[in-house]
PDB file of all heavy atoms in Angstrom:
ATOM      1  N   SER A   1     -46.997 -34.875  -5.560  1.00  0.00           N
ATOM      2  CA  SER A   1     -45.975 -33.704  -5.815  1.00  0.00           C
ATOM      3  C   SER A   1     -46.142 -32.795  -4.609  1.00  0.00           C
ATOM      4  O   SER A   1     -45.040 -32.188  -4.086  1.00  0.00           O
ATOM      5  CB  SER A   1     -46.388 -32.911  -7.102  1.00  0.00           C
ATOM      6  OG  SER A   1     -46.140 -33.893  -8.217  1.00  0.00           O
ATOM      7  N   HIS A   2     -47.405 -32.492  -4.177  1.00  0.00           N
ATOM      8  CA  HIS A   2     -47.550 -31.562  -3.019  1.00  0.00           C
ATOM      9  C   HIS A   2     -46.876 -32.032  -1.694  1.00  0.00           C
ATOM     10  O   HIS A   2     -46.206 -31.340  -1.083  1.00  0.00           O
ATOM     11  CB  HIS A   2     -49.032 -31.269  -2.839  1.00  0.00           C
ATOM     12  CG  HIS A   2     -49.240 -30.299  -1.762  1.00  0.00           C
ATOM     13  ND1 HIS A   2     -48.967 -28.989  -1.924  1.00  0.00           N
ATOM     14  CD2 HIS A   2     -49.779 -30.436  -0.499  1.00  0.00           C
ATOM     15  CE1 HIS A   2     -49.319 -28.302  -0.934  1.00  0.00           C
ATOM     16  NE2 HIS A   2     -49.766 -29.125   0.037  1.00  0.00           N
ATOM     17  N   THR A   3     -47.121 -33.298  -1.476  1.00  0.00           N
ATOM     18  CA  THR A   3     -46.566 -33.863  -0.211  1.00  0.00           C
ATOM     19  C   THR A   3     -45.065 -33.908  -0.339  1.00  0.00           C
ATOM     20  O   THR A   3     -44.294 -33.704   0.766  1.00  0.00           O
ATOM     21  CB  THR A   3     -47.203 -35.296   0.042  1.00  0.00           C
ATOM     22  OG1 THR A   3     -47.133 -36.069  -1.066  1.00  0.00           O
ATOM     23  CG2 THR A   3     -48.566 -35.117   0.481  1.00  0.00           C
ATOM     24  N   GLN A   4     -44.461 -34.210  -1.538  1.00  0.00           N
ATOM     25  CA  GLN A   4     -43.100 -34.233  -1.630  1.00  0.00           C
ATOM     26  C   GLN A   4     -42.580 -32.723  -1.456  1.00  0.00           C
ATOM     27  O   GLN A   4     -41.516 -32.605  -0.875  1.00  0.00           O
ATOM     28  CB  GLN A   4     -42.713 -34.767  -3.125  1.00  0.00           C
ATOM     29  CG  GLN A   4     -42.967 -36.149  -3.306  1.00  0.00           C
ATOM     30  CD  GLN A   4     -41.975 -37.093  -2.536  1.00  0.00           C
ATOM     31  OE1 GLN A   4     -40.793 -36.815  -2.273  1.00  0.00           O
ATOM     32  NE2 GLN A   4     -42.495 -38.137  -1.971  1.00  0.00           N
ATOM     33  N   HIS A   5     -43.153 -31.734  -1.963  1.00  0.00           N
ATOM     34  CA  HIS A   5     -42.787 -30.526  -1.893  1.00  0.00           C
ATOM     35  C   HIS A   5     -42.749 -29.964  -0.431  1.00  0.00           C
ATOM     36  O   HIS A   5     -41.717 -29.396  -0.028  1.00  0.00           O
ATOM     37  CB  HIS A   5     -43.760 -29.555  -2.623  1.00  0.00           C
ATOM     38  CG  HIS A   5     -43.485 -28.138  -2.580  1.00  0.00           C
ATOM     39  ND1 HIS A   5     -42.321 -27.468  -3.040  1.00  0.00           N
ATOM     40  CD2 HIS A   5     -44.310 -27.138  -2.055  1.00  0.00           C
ATOM     41  CE1 HIS A   5     -42.419 -26.292  -2.768  1.00  0.00           C
ATOM     42  NE2 HIS A   5     -43.454 -25.973  -2.212  1.00  0.00           N
ATOM     43  N   ILE A   6     -43.783 -30.177   0.264  1.00  0.00           N
ATOM     44  CA  ILE A   6     -43.899 -29.737   1.667  1.00  0.00           C
ATOM     45  C   ILE A   6     -42.912 -30.602   2.600  1.00  0.00           C
ATOM     46  O   ILE A   6     -42.491 -30.063   3.657  1.00  0.00           O
ATOM     47  CB  ILE A   6     -45.275 -29.782   2.266  1.00  0.00           C
ATOM     48  CG1 ILE A   6     -45.909 -31.047   2.391  1.00  0.00           C
ATOM     49  CG2 ILE A   6     -46.156 -28.768   1.472  1.00  0.00           C
ATOM     50  CD1 ILE A   6     -47.204 -31.151   3.165  1.00  0.00           C
ATOM     51  N   SER A   7     -42.687 -31.753   2.225  1.00  0.00           N
ATOM     52  CA  SER A   7     -41.789 -32.630   2.963  1.00  0.00           C
ATOM     53  C   SER A   7     -40.382 -32.039   2.949  1.00  0.00           C
ATOM     54  O   SER A   7     -39.695 -31.941   4.023  1.00  0.00           O
ATOM     55  CB  SER A   7     -41.610 -34.102   2.437  1.00  0.00           C
ATOM     56  OG  SER A   7     -42.821 -34.738   2.660  1.00  0.00           O
ATOM     57  N   LYS A   8     -40.030 -31.560   1.800  1.00  0.00           N
ATOM     58  CA  LYS A   8     -38.551 -30.794   1.776  1.00  0.00           C
ATOM     59  C   LYS A   8     -38.597 -29.627   2.493  1.00  0.00           C
ATOM     60  O   LYS A   8     -37.627 -29.266   3.175  1.00  0.00           O
ATOM     61  CB  LYS A   8     -38.293 -30.523   0.218  1.00  0.00           C
ATOM     62  CG  LYS A   8     -38.120 -31.786  -0.640  1.00  0.00           C
ATOM     63  CD  LYS A   8     -37.838 -31.329  -2.026  1.00  0.00           C
ATOM     64  CE  LYS A   8     -37.647 -32.691  -2.928  1.00  0.00           C
ATOM     65  NZ  LYS A   8     -37.504 -32.227  -4.393  1.00  0.00           N
ATOM     66  N   ILE A   9     -39.658 -28.846   2.512  1.00  0.00           N
ATOM     67  CA  ILE A   9     -39.752 -27.582   3.252  1.00  0.00           C
ATOM     68  C   ILE A   9     -39.558 -27.868   4.763  1.00  0.00           C
ATOM     69  O   ILE A   9     -38.852 -27.245   5.531  1.00  0.00           O
ATOM     70  CB  ILE A   9     -40.942 -26.836   2.903  1.00  0.00           C
ATOM     71  CG1 ILE A   9     -40.957 -26.346   1.407  1.00  0.00           C
ATOM     72  CG2 ILE A   9     -41.111 -25.582   3.937  1.00  0.00           C
ATOM     73  CD1 ILE A   9     -42.108 -25.692   1.022  1.00  0.00           C
ATOM     74  N   ILE A  10     -40.526 -28.861   5.321  1.00  0.00           N
ATOM     75  CA  ILE A  10     -40.446 -29.090   6.625  1.00  0.00           C
ATOM     76  C   ILE A  10     -39.201 -29.731   7.121  1.00  0.00           C
ATOM     77  O   ILE A  10     -38.750 -29.315   8.182  1.00  0.00           O
ATOM     78  CB  ILE A  10     -41.622 -30.165   6.935  1.00  0.00           C
ATOM     79  CG1 ILE A  10     -42.964 -29.538   6.675  1.00  0.00           C
ATOM     80  CG2 ILE A  10     -41.602 -30.671   8.287  1.00  0.00           C
ATOM     81  CD1 ILE A  10     -44.092 -30.527   6.575  1.00  0.00           C
ATOM     82  N   SER A  11     -38.460 -30.604   6.365  1.00  0.00           N
ATOM     83  CA  SER A  11     -37.228 -31.042   6.751  1.00  0.00           C
ATOM     84  C   SER A  11     -36.193 -29.982   6.801  1.00  0.00           C
ATOM     85  O   SER A  11     -35.420 -29.954   7.795  1.00  0.00           O
ATOM     86  CB  SER A  11     -36.666 -32.101   5.647  1.00  0.00           C
ATOM     87  OG  SER A  11     -37.637 -33.201   5.540  1.00  0.00           O
ATOM     88  N   ARG A  12     -36.224 -29.022   5.951  1.00  0.00           N
ATOM     89  CA  ARG A  12     -35.239 -27.848   5.988  1.00  0.00           C
ATOM     90  C   ARG A  12     -35.443 -26.996   7.212  1.00  0.00           C
ATOM     91  O   ARG A  12     -34.602 -26.585   7.978  1.00  0.00           O
ATOM     92  CB  ARG A  12     -35.397 -26.969   4.709  1.00  0.00           C
ATOM     93  CG  ARG A  12     -34.370 -25.918   4.687  1.00  0.00           C
ATOM     94  CD  ARG A  12     -34.338 -25.182   3.306  1.00  0.00           C
ATOM     95  NE  ARG A  12     -35.614 -24.483   3.060  1.00  0.00           N
ATOM     96  CZ  ARG A  12     -36.514 -24.858   2.150  1.00  0.00           C
ATOM     97  NH1 ARG A  12     -36.201 -25.930   1.399  1.00  0.00           N
ATOM     98  NH2 ARG A  12     -37.603 -24.236   1.957  1.00  0.00           N
ATOM     99  N   LEU A  13     -36.824 -26.702   7.545  1.00  0.00           N
ATOM    100  CA  LEU A  13     -37.199 -26.003   8.780  1.00  0.00           C
ATOM    101  C   LEU A  13     -36.906 -26.648  10.019  1.00  0.00           C
ATOM    102  O   LEU A  13     -36.461 -26.019  10.979  1.00  0.00           O
ATOM    103  CB  LEU A  13     -38.682 -25.573   8.703  1.00  0.00           C
ATOM    104  CG  LEU A  13     -39.147 -24.607   7.562  1.00  0.00           C
ATOM    105  CD1 LEU A  13     -40.577 -24.504   7.548  1.00  0.00           C
ATOM    106  CD2 LEU A  13     -38.387 -23.271   7.712  1.00  0.00           C
ATOM    107  N   ASN A  14     -37.019 -28.057   9.949  1.00  0.00           N
ATOM    108  CA  ASN A  14     -36.574 -28.786  11.113  1.00  0.00           C
ATOM    109  C   ASN A  14     -35.235 -28.566  11.548  1.00  0.00           C
ATOM    110  O   ASN A  14     -34.669 -28.528  12.575  1.00  0.00           O
ATOM    111  CB  ASN A  14     -37.057 -30.287  11.105  1.00  0.00           C
ATOM    112  CG  ASN A  14     -36.820 -31.103  12.301  1.00  0.00           C
ATOM    113  OD1 ASN A  14     -37.194 -30.686  13.266  1.00  0.00           O
ATOM    114  ND2 ASN A  14     -36.098 -32.222  12.054  1.00  0.00           N
ATOM    115  N   GLY A  15     -34.325 -28.627  10.398  1.00  0.00           N
ATOM    116  CA  GLY A  15     -32.939 -28.399  10.485  1.00  0.00           C
ATOM    117  C   GLY A  15     -32.568 -27.006  11.164  1.00  0.00           C
ATOM    118  O   GLY A  15     -31.682 -26.904  12.038  1.00  0.00           O
ATOM    119  N   VAL A  16     -33.386 -26.027  10.875  1.00  0.00           N
ATOM    120  CA  VAL A  16     -33.224 -24.624  11.372  1.00  0.00           C
ATOM    121  C   VAL A  16     -33.457 -24.675  12.877  1.00  0.00           C
ATOM    122  O   VAL A  16     -32.765 -24.162  13.678  1.00  0.00           O
ATOM    123  CB  VAL A  16     -34.031 -23.714  10.644  1.00  0.00           C
ATOM    124  CG1 VAL A  16     -33.990 -22.312  11.277  1.00  0.00           C
ATOM    125  CG2 VAL A  16     -33.634 -23.564   9.127  1.00  0.00           C
ATOM    126  N   ILE A  17     -34.654 -25.289  13.158  1.00  0.00           N
ATOM    127  CA  ILE A  17     -35.024 -25.299  14.645  1.00  0.00           C
ATOM    128  C   ILE A  17     -34.035 -26.135  15.467  1.00  0.00           C
ATOM    129  O   ILE A  17     -33.671 -25.705  16.615  1.00  0.00           O
ATOM    130  CB  ILE A  17     -36.462 -25.861  14.831  1.00  0.00           C
ATOM    131  CG1 ILE A  17     -37.404 -24.874  14.275  1.00  0.00           C
ATOM    132  CG2 ILE A  17     -36.743 -26.155  16.297  1.00  0.00           C
ATOM    133  CD1 ILE A  17     -38.826 -25.418  14.340  1.00  0.00           C
ATOM    134  N   ARG A  18     -33.416 -27.165  14.916  1.00  0.00           N
ATOM    135  CA  ARG A  18     -32.565 -27.967  15.656  1.00  0.00           C
ATOM    136  C   ARG A  18     -31.229 -27.103  15.872  1.00  0.00           C
ATOM    137  O   ARG A  18     -30.668 -27.216  17.003  1.00  0.00           O
ATOM    138  CB  ARG A  18     -32.104 -29.166  14.847  1.00  0.00           C
ATOM    139  CG  ARG A  18     -31.072 -30.082  15.615  1.00  0.00           C
ATOM    140  CD  ARG A  18     -30.716 -31.338  14.723  1.00  0.00           C
ATOM    141  NE  ARG A  18     -31.931 -32.181  14.418  1.00  0.00           N
ATOM    142  CZ  ARG A  18     -32.422 -32.304  13.264  1.00  0.00           C
ATOM    143  NH1 ARG A  18     -31.799 -31.631  12.142  1.00  0.00           N
ATOM    144  NH2 ARG A  18     -33.374 -33.130  12.947  1.00  0.00           N
ATOM    145  N   ARG A  19     -30.809 -26.253  14.931  1.00  0.00           N
ATOM    146  CA  ARG A  19     -29.630 -25.505  15.114  1.00  0.00           C
ATOM    147  C   ARG A  19     -29.849 -24.300  16.251  1.00  0.00           C
ATOM    148  O   ARG A  19     -28.900 -23.973  16.952  1.00  0.00           O
ATOM    149  CB  ARG A  19     -29.193 -24.837  13.932  1.00  0.00           C
ATOM    150  CG  ARG A  19     -28.520 -25.910  12.905  1.00  0.00           C
ATOM    151  CD  ARG A  19     -27.823 -25.193  11.750  1.00  0.00           C
ATOM    152  NE  ARG A  19     -28.801 -24.470  10.855  1.00  0.00           N
ATOM    153  CZ  ARG A  19     -29.374 -25.159   9.855  1.00  0.00           C
ATOM    154  NH1 ARG A  19     -29.063 -26.390   9.629  1.00  0.00           N
ATOM    155  NH2 ARG A  19     -30.145 -24.467   9.073  1.00  0.00           N
ATOM    156  N   VAL A  20     -30.992 -23.871  16.331  1.00  0.00           N
ATOM    157  CA  VAL A  20     -31.306 -22.730  17.270  1.00  0.00           C
ATOM    158  C   VAL A  20     -31.881 -23.231  18.596  1.00  0.00           C
ATOM    159  O   VAL A  20     -31.880 -22.477  19.570  1.00  0.00           O
ATOM    160  CB  VAL A  20     -32.189 -21.654  16.681  1.00  0.00           C
ATOM    161  CG1 VAL A  20     -31.686 -21.116  15.399  1.00  0.00           C
ATOM    162  CG2 VAL A  20     -33.628 -22.305  16.455  1.00  0.00           C
ATOM    163  N   ARG A  21     -32.121 -24.511  18.673  1.00  0.00           N
ATOM    164  CA  ARG A  21     -32.754 -25.083  19.852  1.00  0.00           C
ATOM    165  C   ARG A  21     -31.896 -24.824  21.147  1.00  0.00           C
ATOM    166  O   ARG A  21     -32.532 -24.510  22.180  1.00  0.00           O
ATOM    167  CB  ARG A  21     -32.984 -26.529  19.741  1.00  0.00           C
ATOM    168  CG  ARG A  21     -33.650 -27.316  20.889  1.00  0.00           C
ATOM    169  CD  ARG A  21     -33.915 -28.745  20.523  1.00  0.00           C
ATOM    170  NE  ARG A  21     -32.641 -29.480  20.159  1.00  0.00           N
ATOM    171  CZ  ARG A  21     -32.475 -30.699  19.636  1.00  0.00           C
ATOM    172  NH1 ARG A  21     -33.584 -31.342  19.534  1.00  0.00           N
ATOM    173  NH2 ARG A  21     -31.319 -31.223  19.407  1.00  0.00           N
ATOM    174  N   PRO A  22     -30.651 -25.006  21.103  1.00  0.00           N
ATOM    175  CA  PRO A  22     -29.860 -24.745  22.365  1.00  0.00           C
ATOM    176  C   PRO A  22     -30.023 -23.364  22.929  1.00  0.00           C
ATOM    177  O   PRO A  22     -29.590 -23.140  24.203  1.00  0.00           O
ATOM    178  CB  PRO A  22     -28.391 -25.033  21.976  1.00  0.00           C
ATOM    179  CG  PRO A  22     -28.499 -25.970  20.740  1.00  0.00           C
ATOM    180  CD  PRO A  22     -29.728 -25.400  20.052  1.00  0.00           C
ATOM    181  N   TYR A  23     -30.394 -22.358  22.082  1.00  0.00           N
ATOM    182  CA  TYR A  23     -30.403 -21.041  22.551  1.00  0.00           C
ATOM    183  C   TYR A  23     -31.845 -20.421  22.867  1.00  0.00           C
ATOM    184  O   TYR A  23     -31.920 -19.282  23.313  1.00  0.00           O
ATOM    185  CB  TYR A  23     -29.708 -20.053  21.490  1.00  0.00           C
ATOM    186  CG  TYR A  23     -28.342 -20.664  20.974  1.00  0.00           C
ATOM    187  CD1 TYR A  23     -28.488 -21.382  19.674  1.00  0.00           C
ATOM    188  CD2 TYR A  23     -27.303 -20.588  21.745  1.00  0.00           C
ATOM    189  CE1 TYR A  23     -27.154 -21.909  19.245  1.00  0.00           C
ATOM    190  CE2 TYR A  23     -26.068 -21.158  21.244  1.00  0.00           C
ATOM    191  CZ  TYR A  23     -26.027 -21.733  20.029  1.00  0.00           C
ATOM    192  OH  TYR A  23     -24.883 -22.343  19.613  1.00  0.00           O
ATOM    193  N   LEU A  24     -32.863 -21.183  22.631  1.00  0.00           N
ATOM    194  CA  LEU A  24     -34.171 -20.722  22.862  1.00  0.00           C
ATOM    195  C   LEU A  24     -34.976 -21.504  23.841  1.00  0.00           C
ATOM    196  O   LEU A  24     -34.912 -22.733  23.874  1.00  0.00           O
ATOM    197  CB  LEU A  24     -34.819 -20.662  21.479  1.00  0.00           C
ATOM    198  CG  LEU A  24     -34.254 -19.904  20.329  1.00  0.00           C
ATOM    199  CD1 LEU A  24     -35.048 -20.025  19.106  1.00  0.00           C
ATOM    200  CD2 LEU A  24     -34.224 -18.443  20.796  1.00  0.00           C
ATOM    201  N   PRO A  25     -35.957 -21.066  24.637  1.00  0.00           N
ATOM    202  CA  PRO A  25     -36.748 -21.723  25.417  1.00  0.00           C
ATOM    203  C   PRO A  25     -37.829 -22.515  24.691  1.00  0.00           C
ATOM    204  O   PRO A  25     -38.118 -22.216  23.402  1.00  0.00           O
ATOM    205  CB  PRO A  25     -37.397 -20.654  26.379  1.00  0.00           C
ATOM    206  CG  PRO A  25     -37.324 -19.410  25.519  1.00  0.00           C
ATOM    207  CD  PRO A  25     -36.042 -19.588  24.632  1.00  0.00           C
ATOM    208  N   LEU A  26     -38.528 -23.413  25.350  1.00  0.00           N
ATOM    209  CA  LEU A  26     -39.630 -24.212  24.799  1.00  0.00           C
ATOM    210  C   LEU A  26     -40.636 -23.404  24.050  1.00  0.00           C
ATOM    211  O   LEU A  26     -41.231 -23.617  22.975  1.00  0.00           O
ATOM    212  CB  LEU A  26     -40.252 -25.166  25.754  1.00  0.00           C
ATOM    213  CG  LEU A  26     -41.322 -25.937  25.293  1.00  0.00           C
ATOM    214  CD1 LEU A  26     -40.879 -26.900  24.197  1.00  0.00           C
ATOM    215  CD2 LEU A  26     -41.897 -26.864  26.359  1.00  0.00           C
ATOM    216  N   GLU A  27     -41.041 -22.245  24.854  1.00  0.00           N
ATOM    217  CA  GLU A  27     -42.114 -21.436  24.286  1.00  0.00           C
ATOM    218  C   GLU A  27     -41.752 -20.785  22.966  1.00  0.00           C
ATOM    219  O   GLU A  27     -42.634 -20.721  22.134  1.00  0.00           O
ATOM    220  CB  GLU A  27     -42.443 -20.304  25.325  1.00  0.00           C
ATOM    221  CG  GLU A  27     -43.040 -20.843  26.647  1.00  0.00           C
ATOM    222  CD  GLU A  27     -41.979 -21.358  27.634  1.00  0.00           C
ATOM    223  OE1 GLU A  27     -40.798 -21.216  27.294  1.00  0.00           O
ATOM    224  OE2 GLU A  27     -42.412 -21.979  28.621  1.00  0.00           O
ATOM    225  N   THR A  28     -40.566 -20.424  22.808  1.00  0.00           N
ATOM    226  CA  THR A  28     -40.240 -19.793  21.568  1.00  0.00           C
ATOM    227  C   THR A  28     -40.047 -20.799  20.499  1.00  0.00           C
ATOM    228  O   THR A  28     -40.508 -20.577  19.352  1.00  0.00           O
ATOM    229  CB  THR A  28     -38.829 -19.154  21.771  1.00  0.00           C
ATOM    230  OG1 THR A  28     -38.836 -18.095  22.737  1.00  0.00           O
ATOM    231  CG2 THR A  28     -38.386 -18.344  20.444  1.00  0.00           C
ATOM    232  N   LEU A  29     -39.681 -22.014  20.799  1.00  0.00           N
ATOM    233  CA  LEU A  29     -39.541 -23.185  19.827  1.00  0.00           C
ATOM    234  C   LEU A  29     -40.948 -23.477  19.318  1.00  0.00           C
ATOM    235  O   LEU A  29     -41.269 -23.704  18.240  1.00  0.00           O
ATOM    236  CB  LEU A  29     -38.866 -24.341  20.437  1.00  0.00           C
ATOM    237  CG  LEU A  29     -37.344 -24.093  20.665  1.00  0.00           C
ATOM    238  CD1 LEU A  29     -36.792 -25.286  21.389  1.00  0.00           C
ATOM    239  CD2 LEU A  29     -36.609 -23.822  19.350  1.00  0.00           C
ATOM    240  N   HIS A  30     -41.895 -23.457  20.354  1.00  0.00           N
ATOM    241  CA  HIS A  30     -43.140 -23.732  19.970  1.00  0.00           C
ATOM    242  C   HIS A  30     -43.870 -22.736  19.073  1.00  0.00           C
ATOM    243  O   HIS A  30     -44.594 -22.998  18.143  1.00  0.00           O
ATOM    244  CB  HIS A  30     -44.087 -23.836  21.311  1.00  0.00           C
ATOM    245  CG  HIS A  30     -45.529 -24.333  21.036  1.00  0.00           C
ATOM    246  ND1 HIS A  30     -46.541 -24.104  21.877  1.00  0.00           N
ATOM    247  CD2 HIS A  30     -45.988 -25.124  20.040  1.00  0.00           C
ATOM    248  CE1 HIS A  30     -47.641 -24.582  21.472  1.00  0.00           C
ATOM    249  NE2 HIS A  30     -47.379 -25.310  20.334  1.00  0.00           N
ATOM    250  N   SER A  31     -43.542 -21.474  19.306  1.00  0.00           N
ATOM    251  CA  SER A  31     -44.035 -20.437  18.523  1.00  0.00           C
ATOM    252  C   SER A  31     -43.385 -20.497  17.070  1.00  0.00           C
ATOM    253  O   SER A  31     -44.096 -20.250  16.042  1.00  0.00           O
ATOM    254  CB  SER A  31     -43.553 -19.023  18.968  1.00  0.00           C
ATOM    255  OG  SER A  31     -44.103 -18.850  20.290  1.00  0.00           O
ATOM    256  N   LEU A  32     -42.192 -20.884  17.010  1.00  0.00           N
ATOM    257  CA  LEU A  32     -41.570 -21.105  15.588  1.00  0.00           C
ATOM    258  C   LEU A  32     -42.293 -22.293  14.872  1.00  0.00           C
ATOM    259  O   LEU A  32     -42.509 -22.198  13.718  1.00  0.00           O
ATOM    260  CB  LEU A  32     -40.128 -21.457  15.817  1.00  0.00           C
ATOM    261  CG  LEU A  32     -39.093 -20.270  16.229  1.00  0.00           C
ATOM    262  CD1 LEU A  32     -37.701 -20.936  16.361  1.00  0.00           C
ATOM    263  CD2 LEU A  32     -39.125 -19.277  15.139  1.00  0.00           C
ATOM    264  N   TYR A  33     -42.671 -23.360  15.625  1.00  0.00           N
ATOM    265  CA  TYR A  33     -43.352 -24.395  15.026  1.00  0.00           C
ATOM    266  C   TYR A  33     -44.762 -23.959  14.399  1.00  0.00           C
ATOM    267  O   TYR A  33     -45.168 -24.146  13.348  1.00  0.00           O
ATOM    268  CB  TYR A  33     -43.616 -25.578  16.014  1.00  0.00           C
ATOM    269  CG  TYR A  33     -44.536 -26.556  15.588  1.00  0.00           C
ATOM    270  CD1 TYR A  33     -44.177 -27.653  14.743  1.00  0.00           C
ATOM    271  CD2 TYR A  33     -45.937 -26.491  15.906  1.00  0.00           C
ATOM    272  CE1 TYR A  33     -44.976 -28.539  14.443  1.00  0.00           C
ATOM    273  CE2 TYR A  33     -46.848 -27.499  15.507  1.00  0.00           C
ATOM    274  CZ  TYR A  33     -46.416 -28.481  14.682  1.00  0.00           C
ATOM    275  OH  TYR A  33     -47.235 -29.441  14.249  1.00  0.00           O
ATOM    276  N   ASN A  34     -45.522 -23.179  15.330  1.00  0.00           N
ATOM    277  CA  ASN A  34     -46.807 -22.638  14.903  1.00  0.00           C
ATOM    278  C   ASN A  34     -46.720 -21.710  13.711  1.00  0.00           C
ATOM    279  O   ASN A  34     -47.607 -21.732  12.881  1.00  0.00           O
ATOM    280  CB  ASN A  34     -47.426 -21.962  16.026  1.00  0.00           C
ATOM    281  CG  ASN A  34     -47.860 -22.941  17.127  1.00  0.00           C
ATOM    282  OD1 ASN A  34     -48.208 -24.062  16.786  1.00  0.00           O
ATOM    283  ND2 ASN A  34     -47.995 -22.473  18.338  1.00  0.00           N
ATOM    284  N   SER A  35     -45.651 -20.944  13.723  1.00  0.00           N
ATOM    285  CA  SER A  35     -45.683 -19.863  12.607  1.00  0.00           C
ATOM    286  C   SER A  35     -44.973 -20.384  11.310  1.00  0.00           C
ATOM    287  O   SER A  35     -45.401 -20.144  10.175  1.00  0.00           O
ATOM    288  CB  SER A  35     -44.789 -18.727  13.025  1.00  0.00           C
ATOM    289  OG  SER A  35     -43.517 -19.005  13.424  1.00  0.00           O
ATOM    290  N   LEU A  36     -43.994 -21.276  11.425  1.00  0.00           N
ATOM    291  CA  LEU A  36     -43.266 -21.736  10.281  1.00  0.00           C
ATOM    292  C   LEU A  36     -43.734 -23.127   9.714  1.00  0.00           C
ATOM    293  O   LEU A  36     -43.904 -23.253   8.502  1.00  0.00           O
ATOM    294  CB  LEU A  36     -41.772 -21.952  10.578  1.00  0.00           C
ATOM    295  CG  LEU A  36     -41.105 -20.624  10.983  1.00  0.00           C
ATOM    296  CD1 LEU A  36     -39.630 -20.915  11.264  1.00  0.00           C
ATOM    297  CD2 LEU A  36     -41.017 -19.624   9.833  1.00  0.00           C
TER     298      LEU A  36
END
C-alpha cells in the first residue's frame, strides 16, 4: 500500500516537472527533485 501510494504521488509530481521543464534551468529542476 505504501509503495502504491508514493508511486501515485511521484507520477503526479513528475508530470508537474515535465510541464515546467521548458522554462527552468537544470539547477532549479534539480532543486525541485530534491525538495518534492
